[in-house]
Every structure is written in structure tokens, then in C-alpha cells.
Amino acid sequence: MNIWQLFSAGDWITQGVAVLLLAMSIASWVVILWKGWLLPRASADVERSTAAFWQAASIADARQKLAAFDREALVLPLIEATQAQPTGSLAAAGDKSQQLTRVLRDALHRVLDKLQFGQVLLATVGSTAPFVGLLGTVWGIYHALTGIAAAGQITIDKVSGPVGEALIMTAAGLFVAIPAVLGYNIFGRRIGRIEADLEGFARDLRELLTHGSPAPSKVLETEA
């Protein structure tokens, strides 16, 4: 019996579970492929953009240079946030250091949201797909046993086939969950490194604009 015959032989619950697992698999693989392309590109952009910034003669010169290096707009929003001049509101209250801290924090959160996009989906698929597959297995076994009982004869060959087919749903759930979990962990580690670089740059930028000379950031990265 092939996959299509197995799908056709099931009732609407079995078919619904199979469709849900397929949708979860497609969604997670789209995110995995997209982030597998995005994060190496973003990491290289941050490294080149921060280097270009510190080699620039001025903030205005740095903004022009970063337009070519910062393809994913991860560093440039931090610089542009510091150039805003709020007046006549609470945003203008406090000293310059407090204002820079606030605008850099907000800009950093927006940038990190872009990097974190899709992580929730991978975590959700990785944690729920095995249980969705188990639901399909339990329902398939129940459906198979009731059909065998209705036939009036219970033998090993009649039980092993339907039960084995139902267990495929458990394997399908694991097949969907494992790539999602691996992707979540690998991407989470890479996002953490990029986040540390951006936080260090934001701190140095604030020190530069506040005191006129950047204080070197010391970011400790722990290897997972």
C-alpha cells in the first residue's frame, strides 16, 4: 500500500492529521531554507558594516558607505535612530545619553525582530508535530481494531497490517519535528552571535556620540 492509498483509506480525522503534518513540514522547511540563506548573509553584513563605520570620516560618510554593505538593514537603522532630534515631547527629556539609550534600544529591538522571525514557528512545529503524529497513530489503531472486530475474525496478519500503517503517522510526526528542532537550535545560536555584535556596536555608538570616543565593547560568547 502506497502513501496515497493509505491516505485514501483513512477517515477524515486521519486525513486531517496527515494534511496538518504536511502543512507543518512545508512551513518549517520554507523557514529553514529562508533563514539558512538570510543568517550567513546578515552575519557578513554586520561584520562588514561595523568595520566600514569605524573607518569612515564622519557619521554622514558612514551612512553613505553602509548603504552598500548593510543589505539586510541591520546596522544602518541603529545609526539613523541616533540622528533623530525629538523636540517638545518626553522623548526629548533627559540627557543625551538617556535619549541615545532609548532610541538605540528601540531600533535594536526592531532589527532583532527581523532576525527572530520564524523561530516561533520552528519551535511550535518541533514541539507539537510528534504529538500530532501520535494522535493520528492512536486514532488509526482504534479505527483499524474496530474494523477488524466488526469482521468477526482477529488474526495476526489482519492486525499487523492496519496497526503498522497507523504507526506511520508517528514516524511522520518525528520526520516533521526533527528538522524543525535542529533548525531552531542552529539558527538560535547564530542569531545570538549576531545579536551580541549588534549590541556591542550600539553600545560603542552611544559612547561615541555621548563622550566623543567609543569605549570598546566586551561581549562574552559562550559556546553551546
N, C-alpha and C. Protein backbone atom coordinates (compact mmCIF):
# COMPACT_ATOMS: atom_id res chain seq x y z
N MET A 1 0.84 -1.19 0.00
CA MET A 1 0.00 0.00 0.00
C MET A 1 0.89 1.25 0.00
N ASN A 2 0.68 2.14 -0.97
CA ASN A 2 1.48 3.36 -1.02
C ASN A 2 0.86 4.44 -0.14
N ILE A 3 1.52 5.60 -0.13
CA ILE A 3 1.08 6.69 0.76
C ILE A 3 -0.31 7.19 0.37
N TRP A 4 -0.57 7.30 -0.93
CA TRP A 4 -1.87 7.79 -1.35
C TRP A 4 -2.99 6.83 -0.98
N GLN A 5 -2.74 5.52 -1.14
CA GLN A 5 -3.74 4.53 -0.76
C GLN A 5 -3.98 4.56 0.75
N LEU A 6 -2.89 4.74 1.52
CA LEU A 6 -3.03 4.84 2.97
C LEU A 6 -3.85 6.08 3.34
N PHE A 7 -3.60 7.18 2.66
CA PHE A 7 -4.34 8.42 2.92
C PHE A 7 -5.81 8.26 2.56
N SER A 8 -6.08 7.62 1.42
CA SER A 8 -7.46 7.45 0.97
C SER A 8 -8.24 6.50 1.86
N ALA A 9 -7.54 5.50 2.43
CA ALA A 9 -8.23 4.52 3.27
C ALA A 9 -8.61 5.07 4.64
N GLY A 10 -7.98 6.17 5.06
CA GLY A 10 -8.28 6.72 6.37
C GLY A 10 -9.56 7.54 6.37
N ASP A 11 -10.06 7.80 7.58
CA ASP A 11 -11.26 8.64 7.70
C ASP A 11 -10.84 10.11 7.73
N TRP A 12 -11.77 11.01 8.01
CA TRP A 12 -11.47 12.43 7.91
C TRP A 12 -10.50 12.89 8.98
N ILE A 13 -10.47 12.22 10.15
CA ILE A 13 -9.52 12.60 11.19
C ILE A 13 -8.10 12.23 10.76
N THR A 14 -7.92 11.02 10.27
CA THR A 14 -6.61 10.59 9.79
C THR A 14 -6.12 11.48 8.66
N GLN A 15 -7.01 11.79 7.73
CA GLN A 15 -6.63 12.64 6.62
C GLN A 15 -6.30 14.06 7.09
N GLY A 16 -7.07 14.55 8.07
CA GLY A 16 -6.80 15.88 8.61
C GLY A 16 -5.44 15.96 9.29
N VAL A 17 -5.10 14.90 10.05
CA VAL A 17 -3.79 14.86 10.71
C VAL A 17 -2.67 14.83 9.67
N ALA A 18 -2.86 14.04 8.61
CA ALA A 18 -1.85 13.95 7.55
C ALA A 18 -1.66 15.29 6.86
N VAL A 19 -2.76 15.98 6.56
CA VAL A 19 -2.67 17.29 5.91
C VAL A 19 -2.00 18.31 6.83
N LEU A 20 -2.32 18.25 8.12
CA LEU A 20 -1.72 19.17 9.08
C LEU A 20 -0.21 18.95 9.18
N LEU A 21 0.21 17.68 9.24
CA LEU A 21 1.64 17.39 9.28
C LEU A 21 2.35 17.86 8.01
N LEU A 22 1.69 17.68 6.88
CA LEU A 22 2.28 18.13 5.62
C LEU A 22 2.44 19.66 5.61
N ALA A 23 1.40 20.36 6.08
CA ALA A 23 1.47 21.83 6.14
C ALA A 23 2.56 22.29 7.09
N MET A 24 2.68 21.63 8.24
CA MET A 24 3.73 21.98 9.20
C MET A 24 5.12 21.74 8.62
N SER A 25 5.26 20.64 7.89
CA SER A 25 6.55 20.33 7.28
C SER A 25 6.93 21.37 6.22
N ILE A 26 5.98 21.72 5.36
CA ILE A 26 6.25 22.71 4.31
C ILE A 26 6.61 24.06 4.93
N ALA A 27 5.84 24.48 5.94
CA ALA A 27 6.10 25.77 6.58
C ALA A 27 7.47 25.80 7.24
N SER A 28 7.82 24.73 7.94
CA SER A 28 9.11 24.71 8.63
C SER A 28 10.26 24.68 7.65
N TRP A 29 10.12 23.95 6.54
CA TRP A 29 11.20 23.90 5.55
C TRP A 29 11.35 25.22 4.82
N VAL A 30 10.24 25.92 4.60
CA VAL A 30 10.35 27.26 4.00
C VAL A 30 11.16 28.18 4.91
N VAL A 31 10.86 28.14 6.22
CA VAL A 31 11.59 28.97 7.18
C VAL A 31 13.05 28.53 7.26
N ILE A 32 13.29 27.22 7.28
CA ILE A 32 14.67 26.72 7.38
C ILE A 32 15.50 27.16 6.18
N LEU A 33 14.96 27.02 4.98
CA LEU A 33 15.70 27.42 3.78
C LEU A 33 15.91 28.93 3.74
N TRP A 34 14.87 29.69 4.13
CA TRP A 34 14.99 31.14 4.11
C TRP A 34 16.03 31.62 5.13
N LYS A 35 15.96 31.12 6.36
CA LYS A 35 16.91 31.56 7.38
C LYS A 35 18.30 31.01 7.10
N GLY A 36 18.39 29.85 6.47
CA GLY A 36 19.70 29.34 6.08
C GLY A 36 20.38 30.23 5.06
N TRP A 37 19.59 30.95 4.27
CA TRP A 37 20.15 31.93 3.34
C TRP A 37 20.36 33.28 4.01
N LEU A 38 19.45 33.68 4.89
CA LEU A 38 19.49 35.02 5.48
C LEU A 38 20.60 35.20 6.50
N LEU A 39 20.74 34.26 7.44
CA LEU A 39 21.63 34.48 8.58
C LEU A 39 23.10 34.57 8.20
N PRO A 40 23.63 33.71 7.31
CA PRO A 40 25.02 33.92 6.89
C PRO A 40 25.22 35.27 6.20
N ARG A 41 24.26 35.67 5.42
CA ARG A 41 24.31 36.98 4.75
C ARG A 41 24.26 38.11 5.78
N ALA A 42 23.38 37.98 6.78
CA ALA A 42 23.28 39.00 7.82
C ALA A 42 24.55 39.09 8.65
N SER A 43 25.14 37.94 8.98
CA SER A 43 26.37 37.94 9.76
C SER A 43 27.50 38.64 9.02
N ALA A 44 27.61 38.36 7.73
CA ALA A 44 28.64 39.03 6.93
C ALA A 44 28.37 40.52 6.81
N ASP A 45 27.11 40.89 6.67
CA ASP A 45 26.74 42.30 6.55
C ASP A 45 27.10 43.07 7.82
N VAL A 46 26.79 42.50 8.98
CA VAL A 46 27.09 43.18 10.24
C VAL A 46 28.60 43.37 10.40
N GLU A 47 29.35 42.35 10.09
CA GLU A 47 30.81 42.45 10.22
C GLU A 47 31.38 43.52 9.30
N ARG A 48 30.96 43.50 8.04
CA ARG A 48 31.48 44.49 7.08
C ARG A 48 30.97 45.90 7.38
N SER A 49 29.72 46.00 7.81
CA SER A 49 29.14 47.32 8.07
C SER A 49 29.79 47.99 9.27
N THR A 50 30.01 47.24 10.34
CA THR A 50 30.64 47.84 11.51
C THR A 50 32.08 48.24 11.21
N ALA A 51 32.77 47.42 10.43
CA ALA A 51 34.15 47.78 10.05
C ALA A 51 34.15 49.05 9.20
N ALA A 52 33.22 49.15 8.26
CA ALA A 52 33.15 50.33 7.40
C ALA A 52 32.77 51.56 8.21
N PHE A 53 31.94 51.39 9.22
CA PHE A 53 31.54 52.54 10.04
C PHE A 53 32.74 53.15 10.75
N TRP A 54 33.55 52.30 11.38
CA TRP A 54 34.67 52.83 12.17
C TRP A 54 35.79 53.35 11.27
N GLN A 55 35.78 53.00 10.01
CA GLN A 55 36.78 53.54 9.08
C GLN A 55 36.31 54.82 8.39
N ALA A 56 35.05 55.19 8.62
CA ALA A 56 34.51 56.38 7.97
C ALA A 56 35.01 57.64 8.68
N ALA A 57 35.00 58.75 7.93
CA ALA A 57 35.49 60.01 8.48
C ALA A 57 34.45 60.71 9.35
N SER A 58 33.17 60.44 9.11
CA SER A 58 32.11 61.08 9.86
C SER A 58 30.87 60.20 9.84
N ILE A 59 29.88 60.59 10.63
CA ILE A 59 28.62 59.84 10.65
C ILE A 59 27.95 59.88 9.28
N ALA A 60 27.95 61.04 8.65
CA ALA A 60 27.32 61.16 7.33
C ALA A 60 28.03 60.29 6.31
N ASP A 61 29.36 60.26 6.37
CA ASP A 61 30.13 59.40 5.45
C ASP A 61 29.84 57.93 5.73
N ALA A 62 29.71 57.59 7.01
CA ALA A 62 29.43 56.19 7.38
C ALA A 62 28.07 55.75 6.85
N ARG A 63 27.08 56.63 6.93
CA ARG A 63 25.73 56.28 6.44
C ARG A 63 25.76 56.00 4.94
N GLN A 64 26.54 56.74 4.20
CA GLN A 64 26.65 56.51 2.76
C GLN A 64 27.34 55.19 2.46
N LYS A 65 28.40 54.88 3.21
CA LYS A 65 29.13 53.63 2.99
C LYS A 65 28.28 52.41 3.35
N LEU A 66 27.54 52.53 4.46
CA LEU A 66 26.76 51.38 4.92
C LEU A 66 25.59 51.04 3.99
N ALA A 67 25.17 51.99 3.17
CA ALA A 67 24.09 51.71 2.23
C ALA A 67 24.47 50.59 1.28
N ALA A 68 25.76 50.43 1.00
CA ALA A 68 26.22 49.38 0.09
C ALA A 68 26.51 48.07 0.83
N PHE A 69 26.92 48.16 2.09
CA PHE A 69 27.31 46.96 2.84
C PHE A 69 26.15 46.31 3.59
N ASP A 70 25.27 47.14 4.13
CA ASP A 70 24.20 46.64 5.01
C ASP A 70 22.98 46.25 4.20
N ARG A 71 23.05 45.13 3.49
CA ARG A 71 21.98 44.72 2.57
C ARG A 71 20.69 44.36 3.31
N GLU A 72 20.79 43.85 4.52
CA GLU A 72 19.61 43.45 5.28
C GLU A 72 19.15 44.52 6.27
N ALA A 73 19.74 45.70 6.19
CA ALA A 73 19.35 46.84 7.05
C ALA A 73 19.35 46.44 8.53
N LEU A 74 20.51 46.01 9.02
CA LEU A 74 20.64 45.64 10.41
C LEU A 74 21.43 46.67 11.22
N VAL A 75 22.40 47.29 10.61
CA VAL A 75 23.25 48.26 11.30
C VAL A 75 22.79 49.69 11.02
N LEU A 76 22.41 49.96 9.79
CA LEU A 76 22.02 51.31 9.41
C LEU A 76 20.86 51.87 10.23
N PRO A 77 19.83 51.07 10.57
CA PRO A 77 18.75 51.61 11.42
C PRO A 77 19.23 52.11 12.78
N LEU A 78 20.29 51.50 13.33
CA LEU A 78 20.82 51.96 14.60
C LEU A 78 21.43 53.35 14.46
N ILE A 79 22.15 53.55 13.37
CA ILE A 79 22.78 54.85 13.14
C ILE A 79 21.72 55.92 12.88
N GLU A 80 20.75 55.58 12.04
CA GLU A 80 19.72 56.56 11.70
C GLU A 80 18.87 56.93 12.92
N ALA A 81 18.68 55.98 13.84
CA ALA A 81 17.89 56.27 15.04
C ALA A 81 18.56 57.34 15.90
N THR A 82 19.89 57.38 15.89
CA THR A 82 20.59 58.35 16.72
C THR A 82 20.58 59.75 16.11
N GLN A 83 20.19 59.86 14.83
CA GLN A 83 20.20 61.16 14.18
C GLN A 83 18.89 61.92 14.33
N ALA A 84 17.87 61.26 14.87
CA ALA A 84 16.60 61.94 15.09
C ALA A 84 16.75 62.95 16.22
N GLN A 85 16.07 64.07 16.09
CA GLN A 85 16.14 65.13 17.08
C GLN A 85 14.74 65.43 17.63
N PRO A 86 14.28 64.67 18.63
CA PRO A 86 12.95 64.91 19.19
C PRO A 86 12.89 66.23 19.95
N THR A 87 11.83 66.95 19.74
CA THR A 87 11.65 68.23 20.45
C THR A 87 10.21 68.35 20.92
N GLY A 88 10.04 69.03 22.06
CA GLY A 88 8.70 69.31 22.55
C GLY A 88 7.94 68.11 23.04
N SER A 89 8.62 67.05 23.46
CA SER A 89 7.94 65.86 23.96
C SER A 89 8.80 65.22 25.03
N LEU A 90 8.25 64.19 25.68
CA LEU A 90 9.01 63.48 26.71
C LEU A 90 10.22 62.76 26.11
N ALA A 91 10.16 62.48 24.80
CA ALA A 91 11.31 61.84 24.16
C ALA A 91 12.55 62.71 24.22
N ALA A 92 12.35 64.02 24.33
CA ALA A 92 13.48 64.95 24.40
C ALA A 92 13.93 65.19 25.84
N ALA A 93 13.23 64.61 26.80
CA ALA A 93 13.60 64.80 28.20
C ALA A 93 14.82 63.97 28.55
N GLY A 94 15.52 64.39 29.58
CA GLY A 94 16.71 63.67 30.00
C GLY A 94 17.94 64.10 29.23
N ASP A 95 19.10 63.60 29.66
CA ASP A 95 20.33 63.99 29.00
C ASP A 95 20.51 63.19 27.70
N LYS A 96 21.57 63.51 26.99
CA LYS A 96 21.79 62.91 25.68
C LYS A 96 22.01 61.41 25.78
N SER A 97 22.71 60.96 26.82
CA SER A 97 22.97 59.54 26.98
C SER A 97 21.68 58.75 27.14
N GLN A 98 20.72 59.29 27.92
CA GLN A 98 19.44 58.61 28.11
C GLN A 98 18.65 58.55 26.80
N GLN A 99 18.66 59.65 26.06
CA GLN A 99 17.95 59.66 24.78
C GLN A 99 18.53 58.65 23.81
N LEU A 100 19.86 58.59 23.74
CA LEU A 100 20.52 57.63 22.84
C LEU A 100 20.24 56.20 23.26
N THR A 101 20.25 55.95 24.55
CA THR A 101 19.96 54.59 25.04
C THR A 101 18.56 54.15 24.62
N ARG A 102 17.60 55.07 24.74
CA ARG A 102 16.22 54.73 24.41
C ARG A 102 16.05 54.46 22.92
N VAL A 103 16.57 55.35 22.09
CA VAL A 103 16.36 55.18 20.64
C VAL A 103 17.14 53.98 20.11
N LEU A 104 18.33 53.74 20.65
CA LEU A 104 19.10 52.58 20.21
C LEU A 104 18.44 51.28 20.65
N ARG A 105 17.87 51.28 21.86
CA ARG A 105 17.17 50.08 22.32
C ARG A 105 15.98 49.77 21.43
N ASP A 106 15.21 50.78 21.09
CA ASP A 106 14.03 50.56 20.23
C ASP A 106 14.44 50.09 18.84
N ALA A 107 15.48 50.71 18.28
CA ALA A 107 15.95 50.32 16.95
C ALA A 107 16.51 48.90 16.97
N LEU A 108 17.21 48.56 18.05
CA LEU A 108 17.78 47.22 18.17
C LEU A 108 16.69 46.17 18.27
N HIS A 109 15.62 46.47 18.98
CA HIS A 109 14.51 45.52 19.08
C HIS A 109 13.87 45.27 17.72
N ARG A 110 13.72 46.32 16.93
CA ARG A 110 13.13 46.14 15.60
C ARG A 110 14.03 45.29 14.71
N VAL A 111 15.33 45.50 14.79
CA VAL A 111 16.27 44.72 13.99
C VAL A 111 16.25 43.26 14.42
N LEU A 112 16.23 43.02 15.72
CA LEU A 112 16.25 41.65 16.22
C LEU A 112 14.94 40.92 15.91
N ASP A 113 13.83 41.65 15.85
CA ASP A 113 12.58 41.02 15.45
C ASP A 113 12.68 40.46 14.04
N LYS A 114 13.41 41.15 13.19
CA LYS A 114 13.61 40.67 11.81
C LYS A 114 14.42 39.37 11.82
N LEU A 115 15.45 39.30 12.66
CA LEU A 115 16.27 38.10 12.73
C LEU A 115 15.53 36.94 13.40
N GLN A 116 14.67 37.25 14.36
CA GLN A 116 13.96 36.21 15.11
C GLN A 116 12.74 35.68 14.36
N PHE A 117 12.36 36.33 13.27
CA PHE A 117 11.15 35.92 12.55
C PHE A 117 11.28 34.46 12.11
N GLY A 118 10.25 33.67 12.40
CA GLY A 118 10.24 32.26 12.04
C GLY A 118 10.68 31.33 13.14
N GLN A 119 11.36 31.84 14.16
CA GLN A 119 11.83 30.99 15.24
C GLN A 119 10.66 30.40 16.04
N VAL A 120 9.62 31.20 16.24
CA VAL A 120 8.45 30.69 16.98
C VAL A 120 7.80 29.55 16.21
N LEU A 121 7.72 29.67 14.90
CA LEU A 121 7.12 28.61 14.10
C LEU A 121 7.92 27.32 14.21
N LEU A 122 9.25 27.44 14.12
CA LEU A 122 10.10 26.24 14.23
C LEU A 122 9.95 25.60 15.60
N ALA A 123 9.89 26.42 16.65
CA ALA A 123 9.73 25.87 18.00
C ALA A 123 8.38 25.19 18.15
N THR A 124 7.34 25.80 17.58
CA THR A 124 5.99 25.23 17.68
C THR A 124 5.89 23.91 16.94
N VAL A 125 6.44 23.88 15.72
CA VAL A 125 6.40 22.64 14.93
C VAL A 125 7.21 21.55 15.63
N GLY A 126 8.39 21.92 16.13
CA GLY A 126 9.25 20.93 16.77
C GLY A 126 8.64 20.33 18.03
N SER A 127 7.84 21.11 18.75
CA SER A 127 7.27 20.62 20.00
C SER A 127 5.91 19.93 19.82
N THR A 128 5.18 20.27 18.76
CA THR A 128 3.82 19.73 18.62
C THR A 128 3.70 18.63 17.57
N ALA A 129 4.58 18.61 16.57
CA ALA A 129 4.45 17.62 15.49
C ALA A 129 4.46 16.18 15.99
N PRO A 130 5.33 15.79 16.95
CA PRO A 130 5.27 14.40 17.43
C PRO A 130 3.92 14.03 18.04
N PHE A 131 3.30 14.98 18.74
CA PHE A 131 2.01 14.70 19.36
C PHE A 131 0.88 14.66 18.32
N VAL A 132 1.01 15.47 17.28
CA VAL A 132 0.03 15.39 16.20
C VAL A 132 0.13 14.03 15.51
N GLY A 133 1.37 13.60 15.26
CA GLY A 133 1.56 12.26 14.67
C GLY A 133 1.05 11.16 15.58
N LEU A 134 1.27 11.31 16.90
CA LEU A 134 0.78 10.31 17.85
C LEU A 134 -0.74 10.27 17.86
N LEU A 135 -1.38 11.42 17.73
CA LEU A 135 -2.84 11.44 17.64
C LEU A 135 -3.32 10.65 16.43
N GLY A 136 -2.64 10.84 15.29
CA GLY A 136 -3.01 10.07 14.10
C GLY A 136 -2.79 8.59 14.29
N THR A 137 -1.73 8.23 15.01
CA THR A 137 -1.46 6.81 15.26
C THR A 137 -2.53 6.19 16.15
N VAL A 138 -2.85 6.86 17.24
CA VAL A 138 -3.86 6.33 18.17
C VAL A 138 -5.21 6.19 17.48
N TRP A 139 -5.59 7.21 16.73
CA TRP A 139 -6.87 7.14 16.04
C TRP A 139 -6.84 6.07 14.95
N GLY A 140 -5.71 5.94 14.25
CA GLY A 140 -5.61 4.92 13.21
C GLY A 140 -5.70 3.51 13.78
N ILE A 141 -5.04 3.29 14.93
CA ILE A 141 -5.11 1.97 15.57
C ILE A 141 -6.54 1.67 16.04
N TYR A 142 -7.19 2.67 16.63
CA TYR A 142 -8.58 2.48 17.05
C TYR A 142 -9.47 2.16 15.86
N HIS A 143 -9.29 2.92 14.78
CA HIS A 143 -10.09 2.70 13.59
C HIS A 143 -9.85 1.31 13.00
N ALA A 144 -8.56 0.88 12.99
CA ALA A 144 -8.22 -0.44 12.45
C ALA A 144 -8.79 -1.56 13.30
N LEU A 145 -8.71 -1.44 14.63
CA LEU A 145 -9.18 -2.50 15.51
C LEU A 145 -10.70 -2.64 15.48
N THR A 146 -11.38 -1.50 15.39
CA THR A 146 -12.83 -1.59 15.30
C THR A 146 -13.27 -2.24 13.99
N GLY A 147 -12.52 -1.97 12.91
CA GLY A 147 -12.84 -2.61 11.64
C GLY A 147 -12.58 -4.10 11.68
N ILE A 148 -11.49 -4.50 12.34
CA ILE A 148 -11.18 -5.93 12.46
C ILE A 148 -12.22 -6.63 13.34
N ALA A 149 -12.61 -5.98 14.44
CA ALA A 149 -13.62 -6.58 15.33
C ALA A 149 -14.94 -6.74 14.61
N ALA A 150 -15.28 -5.80 13.75
CA ALA A 150 -16.53 -5.91 13.01
C ALA A 150 -16.50 -7.05 12.01
N ALA A 151 -15.30 -7.41 11.54
CA ALA A 151 -15.18 -8.51 10.58
C ALA A 151 -15.41 -9.87 11.24
N GLY A 152 -15.22 -9.95 12.56
CA GLY A 152 -15.50 -11.18 13.28
C GLY A 152 -14.33 -12.11 13.41
N GLN A 153 -13.23 -11.88 12.72
CA GLN A 153 -12.06 -12.74 12.80
C GLN A 153 -10.84 -11.88 13.09
N ILE A 154 -10.09 -12.25 14.14
CA ILE A 154 -8.89 -11.49 14.52
C ILE A 154 -7.70 -12.42 14.42
N THR A 155 -6.84 -12.12 13.49
CA THR A 155 -5.60 -12.87 13.31
C THR A 155 -4.44 -11.89 13.24
N ILE A 156 -3.22 -12.41 13.41
CA ILE A 156 -2.03 -11.55 13.42
C ILE A 156 -1.89 -10.80 12.10
N ASP A 157 -2.11 -11.48 10.99
CA ASP A 157 -1.91 -10.82 9.70
C ASP A 157 -2.93 -9.70 9.48
N LYS A 158 -4.13 -9.86 10.03
CA LYS A 158 -5.15 -8.81 9.88
C LYS A 158 -4.91 -7.64 10.82
N VAL A 159 -4.23 -7.90 11.96
CA VAL A 159 -3.95 -6.83 12.92
C VAL A 159 -2.68 -6.07 12.55
N SER A 160 -1.64 -6.80 12.15
CA SER A 160 -0.33 -6.19 11.92
C SER A 160 -0.37 -5.16 10.80
N GLY A 161 -1.12 -5.44 9.73
CA GLY A 161 -1.16 -4.51 8.61
C GLY A 161 -1.75 -3.16 8.96
N PRO A 162 -2.99 -3.10 9.44
CA PRO A 162 -3.59 -1.80 9.79
C PRO A 162 -2.85 -1.07 10.91
N VAL A 163 -2.38 -1.83 11.91
CA VAL A 163 -1.66 -1.19 13.01
C VAL A 163 -0.33 -0.62 12.52
N GLY A 164 0.37 -1.38 11.68
CA GLY A 164 1.62 -0.89 11.11
C GLY A 164 1.41 0.36 10.28
N GLU A 165 0.33 0.39 9.53
CA GLU A 165 0.03 1.58 8.73
C GLU A 165 -0.27 2.78 9.62
N ALA A 166 -0.95 2.53 10.75
CA ALA A 166 -1.25 3.63 11.67
C ALA A 166 0.02 4.18 12.31
N LEU A 167 1.00 3.31 12.57
CA LEU A 167 2.24 3.75 13.20
C LEU A 167 3.06 4.65 12.29
N ILE A 168 2.77 4.63 11.01
CA ILE A 168 3.45 5.53 10.08
C ILE A 168 3.23 6.99 10.48
N MET A 169 2.07 7.27 11.08
CA MET A 169 1.78 8.64 11.49
C MET A 169 2.77 9.11 12.56
N THR A 170 3.19 8.22 13.46
CA THR A 170 4.18 8.59 14.46
C THR A 170 5.51 8.93 13.80
N ALA A 171 5.91 8.08 12.85
CA ALA A 171 7.15 8.36 12.12
C ALA A 171 7.05 9.67 11.35
N ALA A 172 5.88 9.96 10.78
CA ALA A 172 5.69 11.21 10.05
C ALA A 172 5.82 12.41 10.99
N GLY A 173 5.27 12.30 12.20
CA GLY A 173 5.40 13.38 13.17
C GLY A 173 6.84 13.65 13.54
N LEU A 174 7.63 12.59 13.72
CA LEU A 174 9.05 12.76 14.03
C LEU A 174 9.80 13.33 12.83
N PHE A 175 9.44 12.91 11.64
CA PHE A 175 10.07 13.40 10.43
C PHE A 175 9.85 14.91 10.26
N VAL A 176 8.70 15.38 10.70
CA VAL A 176 8.41 16.81 10.64
C VAL A 176 9.11 17.56 11.76
N ALA A 177 9.15 16.97 12.97
CA ALA A 177 9.65 17.68 14.14
C ALA A 177 11.16 17.81 14.17
N ILE A 178 11.88 16.77 13.78
CA ILE A 178 13.34 16.77 13.94
C ILE A 178 14.02 17.90 13.17
N PRO A 179 13.72 18.12 11.87
CA PRO A 179 14.37 19.25 11.18
C PRO A 179 14.02 20.60 11.82
N ALA A 180 12.78 20.73 12.30
CA ALA A 180 12.38 22.00 12.93
C ALA A 180 13.18 22.26 14.20
N VAL A 181 13.37 21.23 15.01
CA VAL A 181 14.13 21.39 16.26
C VAL A 181 15.59 21.71 15.96
N LEU A 182 16.18 20.98 15.01
CA LEU A 182 17.57 21.25 14.65
C LEU A 182 17.73 22.66 14.10
N GLY A 183 16.81 23.07 13.22
CA GLY A 183 16.87 24.41 12.66
C GLY A 183 16.74 25.48 13.74
N TYR A 184 15.82 25.28 14.67
CA TYR A 184 15.63 26.25 15.75
C TYR A 184 16.89 26.42 16.58
N ASN A 185 17.54 25.32 16.93
CA ASN A 185 18.74 25.39 17.76
C ASN A 185 19.91 26.02 17.01
N ILE A 186 20.11 25.59 15.77
CA ILE A 186 21.23 26.12 14.98
C ILE A 186 21.05 27.60 14.71
N PHE A 187 19.87 27.97 14.27
CA PHE A 187 19.61 29.38 13.96
C PHE A 187 19.63 30.24 15.22
N GLY A 188 19.11 29.70 16.33
CA GLY A 188 19.12 30.45 17.57
C GLY A 188 20.53 30.80 18.01
N ARG A 189 21.46 29.87 17.84
CA ARG A 189 22.84 30.13 18.20
C ARG A 189 23.45 31.20 17.30
N ARG A 190 23.14 31.14 16.02
CA ARG A 190 23.69 32.12 15.09
C ARG A 190 23.08 33.51 15.32
N ILE A 191 21.79 33.54 15.60
CA ILE A 191 21.13 34.82 15.90
C ILE A 191 21.73 35.42 17.16
N GLY A 192 22.05 34.59 18.15
CA GLY A 192 22.66 35.09 19.38
C GLY A 192 24.00 35.78 19.12
N ARG A 193 24.77 35.23 18.20
CA ARG A 193 26.07 35.84 17.88
C ARG A 193 25.87 37.19 17.19
N ILE A 194 24.93 37.24 16.24
CA ILE A 194 24.67 38.50 15.55
C ILE A 194 24.13 39.53 16.54
N GLU A 195 23.25 39.09 17.43
CA GLU A 195 22.69 39.99 18.44
C GLU A 195 23.79 40.57 19.32
N ALA A 196 24.76 39.73 19.71
CA ALA A 196 25.86 40.22 20.54
C ALA A 196 26.68 41.27 19.80
N ASP A 197 26.92 41.05 18.51
CA ASP A 197 27.67 42.03 17.71
C ASP A 197 26.90 43.35 17.61
N LEU A 198 25.59 43.27 17.39
CA LEU A 198 24.79 44.48 17.27
C LEU A 198 24.70 45.23 18.59
N GLU A 199 24.57 44.51 19.68
CA GLU A 199 24.52 45.16 20.99
C GLU A 199 25.85 45.85 21.30
N GLY A 200 26.95 45.19 20.96
CA GLY A 200 28.26 45.81 21.17
C GLY A 200 28.42 47.07 20.33
N PHE A 201 27.97 47.01 19.07
CA PHE A 201 28.06 48.19 18.22
C PHE A 201 27.18 49.32 18.74
N ALA A 202 25.99 48.99 19.21
CA ALA A 202 25.08 50.01 19.74
C ALA A 202 25.70 50.68 20.97
N ARG A 203 26.34 49.91 21.80
CA ARG A 203 26.98 50.49 22.99
C ARG A 203 28.13 51.41 22.60
N ASP A 204 28.97 50.96 21.66
CA ASP A 204 30.08 51.79 21.21
C ASP A 204 29.58 53.07 20.53
N LEU A 205 28.50 52.93 19.77
CA LEU A 205 27.94 54.10 19.08
C LEU A 205 27.41 55.12 20.09
N ARG A 206 26.75 54.62 21.13
CA ARG A 206 26.24 55.54 22.16
C ARG A 206 27.40 56.25 22.86
N GLU A 207 28.47 55.52 23.18
CA GLU A 207 29.62 56.14 23.83
C GLU A 207 30.28 57.17 22.92
N LEU A 208 30.34 56.86 21.63
CA LEU A 208 30.95 57.79 20.68
C LEU A 208 30.16 59.10 20.62
N LEU A 209 28.84 58.98 20.52
CA LEU A 209 28.01 60.17 20.40
C LEU A 209 27.84 60.91 21.71
N THR A 210 28.07 60.24 22.82
CA THR A 210 27.92 60.88 24.12
C THR A 210 29.21 61.55 24.59
N HIS A 211 30.31 60.80 24.49
CA HIS A 211 31.57 61.29 25.04
C HIS A 211 32.60 61.64 23.98
N GLY A 212 32.31 61.27 22.72
CA GLY A 212 33.25 61.61 21.66
C GLY A 212 34.29 60.57 21.37
N SER A 213 34.35 59.50 22.18
CA SER A 213 35.30 58.41 21.91
C SER A 213 34.66 57.11 22.31
N PRO A 214 34.65 56.12 21.45
CA PRO A 214 33.98 54.86 21.74
C PRO A 214 34.72 54.04 22.78
N ALA A 215 33.95 53.46 23.68
CA ALA A 215 34.53 52.52 24.62
C ALA A 215 34.41 51.13 24.04
N PRO A 216 35.51 50.39 23.99
CA PRO A 216 35.45 49.07 23.36
C PRO A 216 34.51 48.14 24.10
N SER A 217 33.66 47.50 23.36
CA SER A 217 32.70 46.59 23.99
C SER A 217 33.33 45.24 24.18
N LYS A 218 32.99 44.60 25.26
CA LYS A 218 33.50 43.27 25.55
C LYS A 218 32.30 42.35 25.69
N VAL A 219 32.08 41.58 24.68
CA VAL A 219 30.93 40.69 24.67
C VAL A 219 31.44 39.27 24.81
N LEU A 220 31.04 38.60 25.84
CA LEU A 220 31.46 37.23 26.08
C LEU A 220 30.46 36.29 25.45
N GLU A 221 30.95 35.43 24.59
CA GLU A 221 30.08 34.46 23.94
C GLU A 221 30.40 33.09 24.52
N THR A 222 29.40 32.41 24.97
CA THR A 222 29.55 31.07 25.49
C THR A 222 29.20 30.08 24.42
N GLU A 223 30.06 29.16 24.22
CA GLU A 223 29.81 28.14 23.21
C GLU A 223 28.80 27.13 23.76
N ALA A 224 27.73 26.91 23.00
CA ALA A 224 26.71 25.97 23.42
C ALA A 224 27.24 24.55 23.26
